[in-house]
Amino acid sequence: MNESQTKEFRQFLRQSKLAVLSTVNTLNSPESALVAFAEDEKLNLYFQTRVKSRKYANILQTGRVSLVAGWDLHKLVTVQMEGIAERVEATRFIKQLFVDKKSPSTQEFLNHPDARFFKITVEWVRYSDYSTKPPLVWEHEL
């Protein structure tokens, strides 16, 4: 990504709170779930889930995930991402990303004993802005 695209992508992530996360189960069937996420300055994404969730089991098997964020009908910008998810410890830094930058209401979920945190290293991104003519669409492997 060039500097302008990185800036657009970073700004989009900062304004987004939710994404649809997709994983694949042991039968190679897709499973999707809406998740709250936060991002760091290196454009890694973080989310939490419970140990009994389907996505938790799926990620432990393959680590491969895809996400889609952006469905505001007024902004007409969407981002598709693919990457590798790995379990990480629930550090103070990660929890602060959620509480300070995204949604203070998530704090009650962050300290749940069954909560587990994942870091997604984004490997591919497609950014689409349909509010412009012609639409601004670019994609990159990272």
C-alpha atoms as a PDB file:
ATOM      1  CA  MET A   1       0.000   0.000   0.000  1.00  0.00           C
ATOM      2  CA  ASN A   2       1.180   3.487  -0.675  1.00  0.00           C
ATOM      3  CA  GLU A   3       1.086   6.174   2.016  1.00  0.00           C
ATOM      4  CA  SER A   4      -2.303   7.528   0.941  1.00  0.00           C
ATOM      5  CA  GLN A   5      -3.896   4.076   0.956  1.00  0.00           C
ATOM      6  CA  THR A   6      -2.403   3.251   4.347  1.00  0.00           C
ATOM      7  CA  LYS A   7      -3.878   6.500   5.688  1.00  0.00           C
ATOM      8  CA  GLU A   8      -7.327   5.683   4.219  1.00  0.00           C
ATOM      9  CA  PHE A   9      -7.216   2.165   5.629  1.00  0.00           C
ATOM     10  CA  ARG A  10      -6.100   3.348   9.081  1.00  0.00           C
ATOM     11  CA  GLN A  11      -8.809   6.032   9.179  1.00  0.00           C
ATOM     12  CA  PHE A  12     -11.469   3.534   8.140  1.00  0.00           C
ATOM     13  CA  LEU A  13     -10.427   1.096  10.875  1.00  0.00           C
ATOM     14  CA  ARG A  14     -10.464   3.845  13.501  1.00  0.00           C
ATOM     15  CA  GLN A  15     -14.028   4.772  12.579  1.00  0.00           C
ATOM     16  CA  SER A  16     -15.294   1.173  12.491  1.00  0.00           C
ATOM     17  CA  LYS A  17     -16.244  -0.760  15.592  1.00  0.00           C
ATOM     18  CA  LEU A  18     -17.671  -3.963  14.177  1.00  0.00           C
ATOM     19  CA  ALA A  19     -16.762  -6.462  11.495  1.00  0.00           C
ATOM     20  CA  VAL A  20     -18.090  -9.776  10.270  1.00  0.00           C
ATOM     21  CA  LEU A  21     -15.440 -12.390  10.998  1.00  0.00           C
ATOM     22  CA  SER A  22     -15.486 -15.606   8.982  1.00  0.00           C
ATOM     23  CA  THR A  23     -13.774 -18.879   9.815  1.00  0.00           C
ATOM     24  CA  VAL A  24     -13.987 -22.445   8.538  1.00  0.00           C
ATOM     25  CA  ASN A  25     -14.969 -25.431  10.672  1.00  0.00           C
ATOM     26  CA  THR A  26     -13.610 -28.990  10.550  1.00  0.00           C
ATOM     27  CA  LEU A  27     -16.072 -29.863   7.771  1.00  0.00           C
ATOM     28  CA  ASN A  28     -14.764 -26.925   5.691  1.00  0.00           C
ATOM     29  CA  SER A  29     -18.061 -25.100   6.133  1.00  0.00           C
ATOM     30  CA  PRO A  30     -17.870 -21.332   6.586  1.00  0.00           C
ATOM     31  CA  GLU A  31     -19.078 -19.746   9.809  1.00  0.00           C
ATOM     32  CA  SER A  32     -19.426 -16.005  10.364  1.00  0.00           C
ATOM     33  CA  ALA A  33     -19.990 -13.819  13.386  1.00  0.00           C
ATOM     34  CA  LEU A  34     -20.199 -10.135  14.148  1.00  0.00           C
ATOM     35  CA  VAL A  35     -17.295  -9.049  16.376  1.00  0.00           C
ATOM     36  CA  ALA A  36     -16.128  -5.845  17.986  1.00  0.00           C
ATOM     37  CA  PHE A  37     -12.520  -5.127  17.088  1.00  0.00           C
ATOM     38  CA  ALA A  38      -9.734  -2.699  17.806  1.00  0.00           C
ATOM     39  CA  GLU A  39      -6.577  -1.959  15.870  1.00  0.00           C
ATOM     40  CA  ASP A  40      -3.031  -0.945  16.702  1.00  0.00           C
ATOM     41  CA  GLU A  41      -0.729   1.431  14.836  1.00  0.00           C
ATOM     42  CA  LYS A  42       0.718  -1.443  12.786  1.00  0.00           C
ATOM     43  CA  LEU A  43      -2.798  -2.207  11.475  1.00  0.00           C
ATOM     44  CA  ASN A  44      -3.128  -5.462  13.407  1.00  0.00           C
ATOM     45  CA  LEU A  45      -6.666  -6.180  14.559  1.00  0.00           C
ATOM     46  CA  TYR A  46      -7.715  -7.533  17.961  1.00  0.00           C
ATOM     47  CA  PHE A  47     -10.939  -9.135  19.094  1.00  0.00           C
ATOM     48  CA  GLN A  48     -12.121 -11.315  21.927  1.00  0.00           C
ATOM     49  CA  THR A  49     -14.372 -14.318  22.027  1.00  0.00           C
ATOM     50  CA  ARG A  50     -15.383 -16.959  24.508  1.00  0.00           C
ATOM     51  CA  VAL A  51     -13.812 -20.403  24.652  1.00  0.00           C
ATOM     52  CA  LYS A  52     -17.122 -22.091  23.820  1.00  0.00           C
ATOM     53  CA  SER A  53     -17.693 -20.148  20.604  1.00  0.00           C
ATOM     54  CA  ARG A  54     -17.444 -21.788  17.214  1.00  0.00           C
ATOM     55  CA  LYS A  55     -14.952 -19.205  15.978  1.00  0.00           C
ATOM     56  CA  TYR A  56     -12.617 -19.972  18.891  1.00  0.00           C
ATOM     57  CA  ALA A  57     -12.420 -23.659  17.940  1.00  0.00           C
ATOM     58  CA  ASN A  58     -12.130 -22.869  14.237  1.00  0.00           C
ATOM     59  CA  ILE A  59      -9.288 -20.401  14.678  1.00  0.00           C
ATOM     60  CA  LEU A  60      -7.325 -22.791  16.860  1.00  0.00           C
ATOM     61  CA  GLN A  61      -7.446 -25.302  13.990  1.00  0.00           C
ATOM     62  CA  THR A  62      -6.347 -23.154  11.054  1.00  0.00           C
ATOM     63  CA  GLY A  63      -5.779 -19.568  12.131  1.00  0.00           C
ATOM     64  CA  ARG A  64      -7.114 -18.338   8.776  1.00  0.00           C
ATOM     65  CA  VAL A  65      -9.826 -15.664   8.932  1.00  0.00           C
ATOM     66  CA  SER A  66     -11.528 -13.112   6.737  1.00  0.00           C
ATOM     67  CA  LEU A  67     -13.353  -9.969   7.795  1.00  0.00           C
ATOM     68  CA  VAL A  68     -15.668  -7.421   6.254  1.00  0.00           C
ATOM     69  CA  ALA A  69     -16.316  -4.027   7.807  1.00  0.00           C
ATOM     70  CA  GLY A  70     -18.326  -1.087   6.566  1.00  0.00           C
ATOM     71  CA  TRP A  71     -21.965  -1.129   5.635  1.00  0.00           C
ATOM     72  CA  ASP A  72     -22.929   2.489   6.227  1.00  0.00           C
ATOM     73  CA  LEU A  73     -25.343   3.319   3.414  1.00  0.00           C
ATOM     74  CA  HIS A  74     -24.357   6.996   3.545  1.00  0.00           C
ATOM     75  CA  LYS A  75     -20.564   6.579   3.367  1.00  0.00           C
ATOM     76  CA  LEU A  76     -20.548   3.647   0.921  1.00  0.00           C
ATOM     77  CA  VAL A  77     -17.096   2.457   2.009  1.00  0.00           C
ATOM     78  CA  THR A  78     -16.326  -1.169   2.750  1.00  0.00           C
ATOM     79  CA  VAL A  79     -13.150  -3.079   3.519  1.00  0.00           C
ATOM     80  CA  GLN A  80     -12.501  -6.777   3.060  1.00  0.00           C
ATOM     81  CA  MET A  81      -9.528  -8.324   4.835  1.00  0.00           C
ATOM     82  CA  GLU A  82      -7.866 -11.703   5.135  1.00  0.00           C
ATOM     83  CA  GLY A  83      -5.231 -12.759   7.590  1.00  0.00           C
ATOM     84  CA  ILE A  84      -3.907 -15.002  10.309  1.00  0.00           C
ATOM     85  CA  ALA A  85      -5.404 -14.968  13.815  1.00  0.00           C
ATOM     86  CA  GLU A  86      -3.324 -16.032  16.782  1.00  0.00           C
ATOM     87  CA  ARG A  87      -4.260 -16.190  20.427  1.00  0.00           C
ATOM     88  CA  VAL A  88      -2.638 -13.509  22.572  1.00  0.00           C
ATOM     89  CA  GLU A  89      -2.672 -12.696  26.249  1.00  0.00           C
ATOM     90  CA  ALA A  90      -5.156 -10.111  27.441  1.00  0.00           C
ATOM     91  CA  THR A  91      -2.625  -7.387  28.115  1.00  0.00           C
ATOM     92  CA  ARG A  92      -3.511  -4.004  29.492  1.00  0.00           C
ATOM     93  CA  PHE A  93      -2.526  -2.517  26.122  1.00  0.00           C
ATOM     94  CA  ILE A  94      -5.039  -4.655  24.226  1.00  0.00           C
ATOM     95  CA  LYS A  95      -7.830  -3.955  26.686  1.00  0.00           C
ATOM     96  CA  GLN A  96      -7.110  -0.223  26.487  1.00  0.00           C
ATOM     97  CA  LEU A  97      -7.386  -0.346  22.696  1.00  0.00           C
ATOM     98  CA  PHE A  98     -10.989  -1.470  23.119  1.00  0.00           C
ATOM     99  CA  VAL A  99     -11.979   0.794  25.984  1.00  0.00           C
ATOM    100  CA  ASP A 100     -10.195   3.999  24.983  1.00  0.00           C
ATOM    101  CA  LYS A 101     -10.424   3.879  21.216  1.00  0.00           C
ATOM    102  CA  LYS A 102     -13.537   1.908  20.430  1.00  0.00           C
ATOM    103  CA  SER A 103     -16.244   1.248  22.944  1.00  0.00           C
ATOM    104  CA  PRO A 104     -16.196   1.698  26.695  1.00  0.00           C
ATOM    105  CA  SER A 105     -19.256  -0.573  26.906  1.00  0.00           C
ATOM    106  CA  THR A 106     -17.101  -3.575  25.945  1.00  0.00           C
ATOM    107  CA  GLN A 107     -15.228  -3.437  29.256  1.00  0.00           C
ATOM    108  CA  GLU A 108     -17.606  -5.867  30.959  1.00  0.00           C
ATOM    109  CA  PHE A 109     -16.795  -8.511  28.333  1.00  0.00           C
ATOM    110  CA  LEU A 110     -13.039  -7.951  28.415  1.00  0.00           C
ATOM    111  CA  ASN A 111     -12.624  -9.337  31.922  1.00  0.00           C
ATOM    112  CA  HIS A 112     -14.909 -12.351  31.600  1.00  0.00           C
ATOM    113  CA  PRO A 113     -13.103 -15.537  32.737  1.00  0.00           C
ATOM    114  CA  ASP A 114     -13.982 -17.309  29.463  1.00  0.00           C
ATOM    115  CA  ALA A 115     -12.812 -14.432  27.259  1.00  0.00           C
ATOM    116  CA  ARG A 116      -9.845 -15.086  24.988  1.00  0.00           C
ATOM    117  CA  PHE A 117      -8.098 -12.527  22.817  1.00  0.00           C
ATOM    118  CA  PHE A 118      -6.835 -12.873  19.279  1.00  0.00           C
ATOM    119  CA  LYS A 119      -4.557 -10.754  17.158  1.00  0.00           C
ATOM    120  CA  ILE A 120      -5.143 -10.747  13.411  1.00  0.00           C
ATOM    121  CA  THR A 121      -2.210  -9.996  11.180  1.00  0.00           C
ATOM    122  CA  VAL A 122      -3.845  -8.680   8.027  1.00  0.00           C
ATOM    123  CA  GLU A 123      -2.261 -10.169   4.900  1.00  0.00           C
ATOM    124  CA  TRP A 124      -4.636  -8.855   2.225  1.00  0.00           C
ATOM    125  CA  VAL A 125      -6.981  -5.891   2.067  1.00  0.00           C
ATOM    126  CA  ARG A 126      -9.484  -4.599  -0.469  1.00  0.00           C
ATOM    127  CA  TYR A 127     -10.754  -1.051   0.092  1.00  0.00           C
ATOM    128  CA  SER A 128     -13.842   0.080  -1.836  1.00  0.00           C
ATOM    129  CA  ASP A 129     -15.312   3.589  -1.767  1.00  0.00           C
ATOM    130  CA  TYR A 130     -18.480   3.691  -3.853  1.00  0.00           C
ATOM    131  CA  SER A 131     -19.268   7.317  -2.984  1.00  0.00           C
ATOM    132  CA  THR A 132     -16.940   8.529  -5.750  1.00  0.00           C
ATOM    133  CA  LYS A 133     -17.343   8.329  -9.513  1.00  0.00           C
ATOM    134  CA  PRO A 134     -15.705   6.201 -10.629  1.00  0.00           C
ATOM    135  CA  PRO A 135     -15.535   4.170  -7.415  1.00  0.00           C
ATOM    136  CA  LEU A 136     -12.177   4.132  -5.647  1.00  0.00           C
ATOM    137  CA  VAL A 137     -11.171   0.490  -5.315  1.00  0.00           C
ATOM    138  CA  TRP A 138      -7.743  -0.887  -4.482  1.00  0.00           C
ATOM    139  CA  GLU A 139      -6.370  -4.078  -3.027  1.00  0.00           C
ATOM    140  CA  HIS A 140      -2.987  -5.140  -1.703  1.00  0.00           C
ATOM    141  CA  GLU A 141      -1.232  -8.046  -0.155  1.00  0.00           C
ATOM    142  CA  LEU A 142       0.574  -6.867   2.943  1.00  0.00           C
END
